[in-house]
Amino acid sequence: GFLHYVVTDCEFNSSKLNDIEYTESYYYNKLEIIRFSSSVGKFVGYTEVGIKNAERLNNGPEVIARRAQKESYCLSNVGIDVEAALTKS
């Protein structure tokens, strides 16, 4: 069979928006084919299919939606994680 999955990640050093990076990676059969990174600001393809899809996604509304994820998805969750870590340390 074939396996397709997406990994979404928020990496951070503090709860400030500038210290957060949002990534969304798409895998097919354990091979990363395409990734969105908030530090790059666009989709990047790593395979022939990924490159074609990155070009399509970067010219559509998907790239704008992913850029907003850093603030809407990561910022609130990072604040919760930082607060939890500080109260336990």
PDB file of N, CA and C in Angstrom:
ATOM      1  N   GLY A   1       0.814  -1.188   0.000  1.00  0.00           N
ATOM      2  CA  GLY A   1       0.000   0.000   0.000  1.00  0.00           C
ATOM      3  C   GLY A   1       0.854   1.246   0.000  1.00  0.00           C
ATOM      4  N   PHE A   2       0.172   2.342  -0.140  1.00  0.00           N
ATOM      5  CA  PHE A   2       0.819   3.645  -0.151  1.00  0.00           C
ATOM      6  C   PHE A   2       0.427   4.409   1.106  1.00  0.00           C
ATOM      7  N   LEU A   3       1.330   5.204   1.601  1.00  0.00           N
ATOM      8  CA  LEU A   3       1.095   5.951   2.828  1.00  0.00           C
ATOM      9  C   LEU A   3       1.316   7.437   2.566  1.00  0.00           C
ATOM     10  N   HIS A   4       0.311   8.249   2.891  1.00  0.00           N
ATOM     11  CA  HIS A   4       0.402   9.704   2.758  1.00  0.00           C
ATOM     12  C   HIS A   4       0.059  10.311   4.105  1.00  0.00           C
ATOM     13  N   TYR A   5       0.897  11.230   4.583  1.00  0.00           N
ATOM     14  CA  TYR A   5       0.598  11.900   5.842  1.00  0.00           C
ATOM     15  C   TYR A   5       1.209  13.295   5.866  1.00  0.00           C
ATOM     16  N   VAL A   6       0.694  14.102   6.789  1.00  0.00           N
ATOM     17  CA  VAL A   6       1.122  15.492   6.935  1.00  0.00           C
ATOM     18  C   VAL A   6       1.587  15.699   8.376  1.00  0.00           C
ATOM     19  N   VAL A   7       2.718  16.373   8.538  1.00  0.00           N
ATOM     20  CA  VAL A   7       3.235  16.708   9.858  1.00  0.00           C
ATOM     21  C   VAL A   7       3.250  18.227   9.982  1.00  0.00           C
ATOM     22  N   THR A   8       2.539  18.721  11.000  1.00  0.00           N
ATOM     23  CA  THR A   8       2.490  20.157  11.283  1.00  0.00           C
ATOM     24  C   THR A   8       3.280  20.414  12.553  1.00  0.00           C
ATOM     25  N   ASP A   9       4.106  21.458  12.543  1.00  0.00           N
ATOM     26  CA  ASP A   9       5.024  21.676  13.649  1.00  0.00           C
ATOM     27  C   ASP A   9       5.173  23.166  13.951  1.00  0.00           C
ATOM     28  N   CYS A  10       5.263  23.491  15.229  1.00  0.00           N
ATOM     29  CA  CYS A  10       5.581  24.845  15.681  1.00  0.00           C
ATOM     30  C   CYS A  10       6.853  24.759  16.516  1.00  0.00           C
ATOM     31  N   GLU A  11       7.928  25.324  16.016  1.00  0.00           N
ATOM     32  CA  GLU A  11       9.185  25.354  16.767  1.00  0.00           C
ATOM     33  C   GLU A  11       9.348  26.753  17.347  1.00  0.00           C
ATOM     34  N   PHE A  12       9.765  26.827  18.621  1.00  0.00           N
ATOM     35  CA  PHE A  12       9.828  28.133  19.258  1.00  0.00           C
ATOM     36  C   PHE A  12      10.911  28.200  20.326  1.00  0.00           C
ATOM     37  N   ASN A  13      11.409  29.425  20.546  1.00  0.00           N
ATOM     38  CA  ASN A  13      12.356  29.713  21.622  1.00  0.00           C
ATOM     39  C   ASN A  13      11.704  30.534  22.716  1.00  0.00           C
ATOM     40  N   SER A  14      10.613  31.204  22.381  1.00  0.00           N
ATOM     41  CA  SER A  14       9.843  31.982  23.350  1.00  0.00           C
ATOM     42  C   SER A  14       8.427  32.104  22.801  1.00  0.00           C
ATOM     43  N   SER A  15       7.569  32.778  23.522  1.00  0.00           N
ATOM     44  CA  SER A  15       6.191  32.936  23.069  1.00  0.00           C
ATOM     45  C   SER A  15       6.011  34.152  22.159  1.00  0.00           C
ATOM     46  N   LYS A  16       7.106  34.822  21.788  1.00  0.00           N
ATOM     47  CA  LYS A  16       7.028  35.951  20.860  1.00  0.00           C
ATOM     48  C   LYS A  16       6.869  35.432  19.438  1.00  0.00           C
ATOM     49  N   LEU A  17       6.054  36.107  18.658  1.00  0.00           N
ATOM     50  CA  LEU A  17       5.753  35.667  17.293  1.00  0.00           C
ATOM     51  C   LEU A  17       7.008  35.536  16.437  1.00  0.00           C
ATOM     52  N   ASN A  18       7.992  36.416  16.623  1.00  0.00           N
ATOM     53  CA  ASN A  18       9.224  36.362  15.821  1.00  0.00           C
ATOM     54  C   ASN A  18      10.078  35.140  16.140  1.00  0.00           C
ATOM     55  N   ASP A  19       9.868  34.519  17.304  1.00  0.00           N
ATOM     56  CA  ASP A  19      10.654  33.355  17.716  1.00  0.00           C
ATOM     57  C   ASP A  19       9.969  32.035  17.399  1.00  0.00           C
ATOM     58  N   ILE A  20       8.932  32.074  16.570  1.00  0.00           N
ATOM     59  CA  ILE A  20       8.167  30.883  16.228  1.00  0.00           C
ATOM     60  C   ILE A  20       8.310  30.592  14.738  1.00  0.00           C
ATOM     61  N   GLU A  21       8.503  29.306  14.416  1.00  0.00           N
ATOM     62  CA  GLU A  21       8.490  28.888  13.012  1.00  0.00           C
ATOM     63  C   GLU A  21       7.421  27.817  12.850  1.00  0.00           C
ATOM     64  N   TYR A  22       6.552  28.012  11.872  1.00  0.00           N
ATOM     65  CA  TYR A  22       5.497  27.056  11.538  1.00  0.00           C
ATOM     66  C   TYR A  22       5.912  26.290  10.298  1.00  0.00           C
ATOM     67  N   THR A  23       5.855  24.965  10.365  1.00  0.00           N
ATOM     68  CA  THR A  23       6.130  24.149   9.188  1.00  0.00           C
ATOM     69  C   THR A  23       5.011  23.131   8.994  1.00  0.00           C
ATOM     70  N   GLU A  24       4.776  22.817   7.741  1.00  0.00           N
ATOM     71  CA  GLU A  24       3.792  21.798   7.374  1.00  0.00           C
ATOM     72  C   GLU A  24       4.435  20.965   6.271  1.00  0.00           C
ATOM     73  N   SER A  25       4.722  19.696   6.582  1.00  0.00           N
ATOM     74  CA  SER A  25       5.417  18.811   5.649  1.00  0.00           C
ATOM     75  C   SER A  25       4.494  17.707   5.175  1.00  0.00           C
ATOM     76  N   TYR A  26       4.519  17.433   3.883  1.00  0.00           N
ATOM     77  CA  TYR A  26       3.706  16.384   3.270  1.00  0.00           C
ATOM     78  C   TYR A  26       4.623  15.237   2.859  1.00  0.00           C
ATOM     79  N   TYR A  27       4.255  14.027   3.274  1.00  0.00           N
ATOM     80  CA  TYR A  27       5.049  12.836   3.000  1.00  0.00           C
ATOM     81  C   TYR A  27       4.243  11.839   2.176  1.00  0.00           C
ATOM     82  N   TYR A  28       4.951  11.113   1.334  1.00  0.00           N
ATOM     83  CA  TYR A  28       4.365  10.015   0.572  1.00  0.00           C
ATOM     84  C   TYR A  28       5.360   8.862   0.622  1.00  0.00           C
ATOM     85  N   ASN A  29       4.926   7.741   1.165  1.00  0.00           N
ATOM     86  CA  ASN A  29       5.797   6.570   1.344  1.00  0.00           C
ATOM     87  C   ASN A  29       7.100   6.934   2.062  1.00  0.00           C
ATOM     88  N   LYS A  30       6.976   7.654   3.164  1.00  0.00           N
ATOM     89  CA  LYS A  30       8.091   8.047   4.042  1.00  0.00           C
ATOM     90  C   LYS A  30       9.042   9.061   3.420  1.00  0.00           C
ATOM     91  N   LEU A  31       8.729   9.589   2.266  1.00  0.00           N
ATOM     92  CA  LEU A  31       9.577  10.572   1.586  1.00  0.00           C
ATOM     93  C   LEU A  31       8.887  11.925   1.611  1.00  0.00           C
ATOM     94  N   GLU A  32       9.579  12.940   2.146  1.00  0.00           N
ATOM     95  CA  GLU A  32       8.994  14.285   2.166  1.00  0.00           C
ATOM     96  C   GLU A  32       8.956  14.805   0.735  1.00  0.00           C
ATOM     97  N   ILE A  33       7.751  15.186   0.291  1.00  0.00           N
ATOM     98  CA  ILE A  33       7.619  15.647  -1.088  1.00  0.00           C
ATOM     99  C   ILE A  33       7.462  17.164  -1.180  1.00  0.00           C
ATOM    100  N   ILE A  34       6.904  17.778  -0.132  1.00  0.00           N
ATOM    101  CA  ILE A  34       6.681  19.227  -0.157  1.00  0.00           C
ATOM    102  C   ILE A  34       6.607  19.750   1.271  1.00  0.00           C
ATOM    103  N   ARG A  35       7.036  21.002   1.473  1.00  0.00           N
ATOM    104  CA  ARG A  35       7.002  21.613   2.805  1.00  0.00           C
ATOM    105  C   ARG A  35       6.674  23.099   2.697  1.00  0.00           C
ATOM    106  N   PHE A  36       5.843  23.549   3.641  1.00  0.00           N
ATOM    107  CA  PHE A  36       5.658  24.983   3.826  1.00  0.00           C
ATOM    108  C   PHE A  36       6.398  25.360   5.089  1.00  0.00           C
ATOM    109  N   SER A  37       7.177  26.418   5.042  1.00  0.00           N
ATOM    110  CA  SER A  37       7.885  26.938   6.210  1.00  0.00           C
ATOM    111  C   SER A  37       7.596  28.428   6.320  1.00  0.00           C
ATOM    112  N   SER A  38       7.218  28.860   7.523  1.00  0.00           N
ATOM    113  CA  SER A  38       6.915  30.284   7.700  1.00  0.00           C
ATOM    114  C   SER A  38       8.165  31.144   7.558  1.00  0.00           C
ATOM    115  N   SER A  39       9.342  30.588   7.808  1.00  0.00           N
ATOM    116  CA  SER A  39      10.567  31.389   7.644  1.00  0.00           C
ATOM    117  C   SER A  39      10.873  31.626   6.165  1.00  0.00           C
ATOM    118  N   VAL A  40      10.483  30.701   5.292  1.00  0.00           N
ATOM    119  CA  VAL A  40      10.657  30.874   3.849  1.00  0.00           C
ATOM    120  C   VAL A  40       9.450  31.624   3.271  1.00  0.00           C
ATOM    121  N   GLY A  41       8.262  31.340   3.825  1.00  0.00           N
ATOM    122  CA  GLY A  41       7.044  32.025   3.398  1.00  0.00           C
ATOM    123  C   GLY A  41       6.360  31.430   2.183  1.00  0.00           C
ATOM    124  N   LYS A  42       6.792  30.226   1.796  1.00  0.00           N
ATOM    125  CA  LYS A  42       6.178  29.584   0.637  1.00  0.00           C
ATOM    126  C   LYS A  42       6.388  28.079   0.720  1.00  0.00           C
ATOM    127  N   PHE A  43       5.745  27.358  -0.199  1.00  0.00           N
ATOM    128  CA  PHE A  43       5.924  25.918  -0.315  1.00  0.00           C
ATOM    129  C   PHE A  43       7.183  25.632  -1.117  1.00  0.00           C
ATOM    130  N   VAL A  44       7.909  24.591  -0.718  1.00  0.00           N
ATOM    131  CA  VAL A  44       9.105  24.151  -1.434  1.00  0.00           C
ATOM    132  C   VAL A  44       8.939  22.664  -1.720  1.00  0.00           C
ATOM    133  N   GLY A  45       9.150  22.270  -2.963  1.00  0.00           N
ATOM    134  CA  GLY A  45       9.040  20.874  -3.358  1.00  0.00           C
ATOM    135  C   GLY A  45      10.386  20.182  -3.329  1.00  0.00           C
ATOM    136  N   TYR A  46      10.382  18.890  -2.958  1.00  0.00           N
ATOM    137  CA  TYR A  46      11.623  18.114  -2.872  1.00  0.00           C
ATOM    138  C   TYR A  46      11.678  16.966  -3.872  1.00  0.00           C
ATOM    139  N   THR A  47      10.582  16.720  -4.552  1.00  0.00           N
ATOM    140  CA  THR A  47      10.532  15.700  -5.600  1.00  0.00           C
ATOM    141  C   THR A  47       9.930  16.349  -6.843  1.00  0.00           C
ATOM    142  N   GLU A  48       9.923  15.622  -7.951  1.00  0.00           N
ATOM    143  CA  GLU A  48       9.341  16.171  -9.179  1.00  0.00           C
ATOM    144  C   GLU A  48       7.871  16.551  -8.962  1.00  0.00           C
ATOM    145  N   VAL A  49       7.121  15.662  -8.343  1.00  0.00           N
ATOM    146  CA  VAL A  49       5.709  15.936  -8.052  1.00  0.00           C
ATOM    147  C   VAL A  49       5.586  17.075  -7.046  1.00  0.00           C
ATOM    148  N   GLY A  50       6.452  17.087  -6.036  1.00  0.00           N
ATOM    149  CA  GLY A  50       6.422  18.134  -5.022  1.00  0.00           C
ATOM    150  C   GLY A  50       6.713  19.511  -5.591  1.00  0.00           C
ATOM    151  N   ILE A  51       7.644  19.592  -6.505  1.00  0.00           N
ATOM    152  CA  ILE A  51       7.986  20.875  -7.133  1.00  0.00           C
ATOM    153  C   ILE A  51       6.801  21.416  -7.928  1.00  0.00           C
ATOM    154  N   LYS A  52       6.132  20.550  -8.677  1.00  0.00           N
ATOM    155  CA  LYS A  52       4.954  20.976  -9.444  1.00  0.00           C
ATOM    156  C   LYS A  52       3.838  21.444  -8.522  1.00  0.00           C
ATOM    157  N   ASN A  53       3.616  20.700  -7.431  1.00  0.00           N
ATOM    158  CA  ASN A  53       2.573  21.094  -6.485  1.00  0.00           C
ATOM    159  C   ASN A  53       2.940  22.361  -5.730  1.00  0.00           C
ATOM    160  N   ALA A  54       4.205  22.550  -5.403  1.00  0.00           N
ATOM    161  CA  ALA A  54       4.639  23.766  -4.722  1.00  0.00           C
ATOM    162  C   ALA A  54       4.364  24.988  -5.595  1.00  0.00           C
ATOM    163  N   GLU A  55       4.650  24.868  -6.879  1.00  0.00           N
ATOM    164  CA  GLU A  55       4.397  25.978  -7.802  1.00  0.00           C
ATOM    165  C   GLU A  55       2.906  26.314  -7.842  1.00  0.00           C
ATOM    166  N   ARG A  56       2.075  25.277  -7.909  1.00  0.00           N
ATOM    167  CA  ARG A  56       0.618  25.478  -7.934  1.00  0.00           C
ATOM    168  C   ARG A  56       0.127  26.098  -6.622  1.00  0.00           C
ATOM    169  N   LEU A  57       0.597  25.579  -5.495  1.00  0.00           N
ATOM    170  CA  LEU A  57       0.149  26.075  -4.184  1.00  0.00           C
ATOM    171  C   LEU A  57       0.623  27.505  -3.921  1.00  0.00           C
ATOM    172  N   ASN A  58       1.826  27.832  -4.375  1.00  0.00           N
ATOM    173  CA  ASN A  58       2.359  29.185  -4.167  1.00  0.00           C
ATOM    174  C   ASN A  58       1.629  30.235  -4.996  1.00  0.00           C
ATOM    175  N   ASN A  59       0.911  29.812  -6.027  1.00  0.00           N
ATOM    176  CA  ASN A  59       0.145  30.741  -6.855  1.00  0.00           C
ATOM    177  C   ASN A  59      -1.336  30.755  -6.512  1.00  0.00           C
ATOM    178  N   GLY A  60      -1.709  30.081  -5.444  1.00  0.00           N
ATOM    179  CA  GLY A  60      -3.113  29.999  -5.051  1.00  0.00           C
ATOM    180  C   GLY A  60      -3.341  30.522  -3.640  1.00  0.00           C
ATOM    181  N   PRO A  61      -4.555  30.400  -3.160  1.00  0.00           N
ATOM    182  CA  PRO A  61      -4.895  30.912  -1.824  1.00  0.00           C
ATOM    183  C   PRO A  61      -4.278  30.091  -0.689  1.00  0.00           C
ATOM    184  N   GLU A  62      -3.788  28.892  -0.988  1.00  0.00           N
ATOM    185  CA  GLU A  62      -3.220  28.027   0.050  1.00  0.00           C
ATOM    186  C   GLU A  62      -2.017  28.662   0.751  1.00  0.00           C
ATOM    187  N   VAL A  63      -1.173  29.339  -0.005  1.00  0.00           N
ATOM    188  CA  VAL A  63       0.031  29.931   0.592  1.00  0.00           C
ATOM    189  C   VAL A  63      -0.344  31.054   1.566  1.00  0.00           C
ATOM    190  N   ILE A  64      -1.372  31.814   1.251  1.00  0.00           N
ATOM    191  CA  ILE A  64      -1.827  32.889   2.146  1.00  0.00           C
ATOM    192  C   ILE A  64      -2.390  32.299   3.430  1.00  0.00           C
ATOM    193  N   ALA A  65      -3.144  31.217   3.290  1.00  0.00           N
ATOM    194  CA  ALA A  65      -3.704  30.554   4.469  1.00  0.00           C
ATOM    195  C   ALA A  65      -2.606  29.999   5.365  1.00  0.00           C
ATOM    196  N   ARG A  66      -1.560  29.420   4.791  1.00  0.00           N
ATOM    197  CA  ARG A  66      -0.472  28.852   5.593  1.00  0.00           C
ATOM    198  C   ARG A  66       0.328  29.944   6.297  1.00  0.00           C
ATOM    199  N   ARG A  67       0.504  31.077   5.653  1.00  0.00           N
ATOM    200  CA  ARG A  67       1.220  32.185   6.295  1.00  0.00           C
ATOM    201  C   ARG A  67       0.503  32.650   7.555  1.00  0.00           C
ATOM    202  N   ALA A  68      -0.817  32.581   7.551  1.00  0.00           N
ATOM    203  CA  ALA A  68      -1.608  33.001   8.707  1.00  0.00           C
ATOM    204  C   ALA A  68      -1.557  31.974   9.836  1.00  0.00           C
ATOM    205  N   GLN A  69      -1.195  30.734   9.536  1.00  0.00           N
ATOM    206  CA  GLN A  69      -1.176  29.677  10.545  1.00  0.00           C
ATOM    207  C   GLN A  69      -0.175  29.942  11.662  1.00  0.00           C
ATOM    208  N   LYS A  70       0.918  30.612  11.364  1.00  0.00           N
ATOM    209  CA  LYS A  70       1.923  30.899  12.389  1.00  0.00           C
ATOM    210  C   LYS A  70       1.279  31.644  13.545  1.00  0.00           C
ATOM    211  N   GLU A  71       0.458  32.630  13.216  1.00  0.00           N
ATOM    212  CA  GLU A  71      -0.186  33.419  14.259  1.00  0.00           C
ATOM    213  C   GLU A  71      -1.422  32.714  14.820  1.00  0.00           C
ATOM    214  N   SER A  72      -2.278  32.185  13.954  1.00  0.00           N
ATOM    215  CA  SER A  72      -3.544  31.624  14.437  1.00  0.00           C
ATOM    216  C   SER A  72      -3.372  30.266  15.111  1.00  0.00           C
ATOM    217  N   TYR A  73      -2.478  29.423  14.629  1.00  0.00           N
ATOM    218  CA  TYR A  73      -2.306  28.080  15.185  1.00  0.00           C
ATOM    219  C   TYR A  73      -1.190  28.031  16.232  1.00  0.00           C
ATOM    220  N   CYS A  74      -0.025  28.540  15.876  1.00  0.00           N
ATOM    221  CA  CYS A  74       1.135  28.397  16.757  1.00  0.00           C
ATOM    222  C   CYS A  74       1.107  29.333  17.962  1.00  0.00           C
ATOM    223  N   LEU A  75       0.791  30.585  17.738  1.00  0.00           N
ATOM    224  CA  LEU A  75       0.936  31.573  18.807  1.00  0.00           C
ATOM    225  C   LEU A  75       0.136  31.202  20.050  1.00  0.00           C
ATOM    226  N   SER A  76      -1.115  30.798  19.896  1.00  0.00           N
ATOM    227  CA  SER A  76      -1.921  30.460  21.076  1.00  0.00           C
ATOM    228  C   SER A  76      -1.429  29.170  21.729  1.00  0.00           C
ATOM    229  N   ASN A  77      -1.053  28.178  20.933  1.00  0.00           N
ATOM    230  CA  ASN A  77      -0.568  26.923  21.493  1.00  0.00           C
ATOM    231  C   ASN A  77       0.799  27.074  22.157  1.00  0.00           C
ATOM    232  N   VAL A  78       1.673  27.862  21.581  1.00  0.00           N
ATOM    233  CA  VAL A  78       2.984  28.092  22.173  1.00  0.00           C
ATOM    234  C   VAL A  78       2.829  28.800  23.516  1.00  0.00           C
ATOM    235  N   GLY A  79       1.916  29.761  23.584  1.00  0.00           N
ATOM    236  CA  GLY A  79       1.670  30.451  24.857  1.00  0.00           C
ATOM    237  C   GLY A  79       1.258  29.484  25.943  1.00  0.00           C
ATOM    238  N   ILE A  80       0.415  28.529  25.614  1.00  0.00           N
ATOM    239  CA  ILE A  80      -0.020  27.513  26.577  1.00  0.00           C
ATOM    240  C   ILE A  80       1.164  26.635  26.996  1.00  0.00           C
ATOM    241  N   ASP A  81       1.981  26.211  26.032  1.00  0.00           N
ATOM    242  CA  ASP A  81       3.142  25.357  26.328  1.00  0.00           C
ATOM    243  C   ASP A  81       4.170  26.076  27.181  1.00  0.00           C
ATOM    244  N   VAL A  82       4.462  27.331  26.868  1.00  0.00           N
ATOM    245  CA  VAL A  82       5.426  28.100  27.631  1.00  0.00           C
ATOM    246  C   VAL A  82       4.941  28.288  29.069  1.00  0.00           C
ATOM    247  N   GLU A  83       3.675  28.635  29.225  1.00  0.00           N
ATOM    248  CA  GLU A  83       3.099  28.823  30.563  1.00  0.00           C
ATOM    249  C   GLU A  83       3.162  27.530  31.375  1.00  0.00           C
ATOM    250  N   ALA A  84       2.840  26.412  30.741  1.00  0.00           N
ATOM    251  CA  ALA A  84       2.888  25.124  31.433  1.00  0.00           C
ATOM    252  C   ALA A  84       4.317  24.772  31.848  1.00  0.00           C
ATOM    253  N   ALA A  85       5.282  25.050  30.981  1.00  0.00           N
ATOM    254  CA  ALA A  85       6.690  24.749  31.295  1.00  0.00           C
ATOM    255  C   ALA A  85       7.193  25.636  32.425  1.00  0.00           C
ATOM    256  N   LEU A  86       6.805  26.908  32.421  1.00  0.00           N
ATOM    257  CA  LEU A  86       7.274  27.822  33.458  1.00  0.00           C
ATOM    258  C   LEU A  86       6.685  27.500  34.821  1.00  0.00           C
ATOM    259  N   THR A  87       5.464  27.030  34.871  1.00  0.00           N
ATOM    260  CA  THR A  87       4.858  26.706  36.160  1.00  0.00           C
ATOM    261  C   THR A  87       5.395  25.408  36.736  1.00  0.00           C
ATOM    262  N   LYS A  88       6.007  24.570  35.913  1.00  0.00           N
ATOM    263  CA  LYS A  88       6.545  23.299  36.390  1.00  0.00           C
ATOM    264  C   LYS A  88       8.047  23.366  36.673  1.00  0.00           C
ATOM    265  N   SER A  89       8.702  24.444  36.285  1.00  0.00           N
ATOM    266  CA  SER A  89      10.157  24.513  36.473  1.00  0.00           C
ATOM    267  C   SER A  89      10.530  25.160  37.776  1.00  0.00           C
TER     268      SER A  89
END
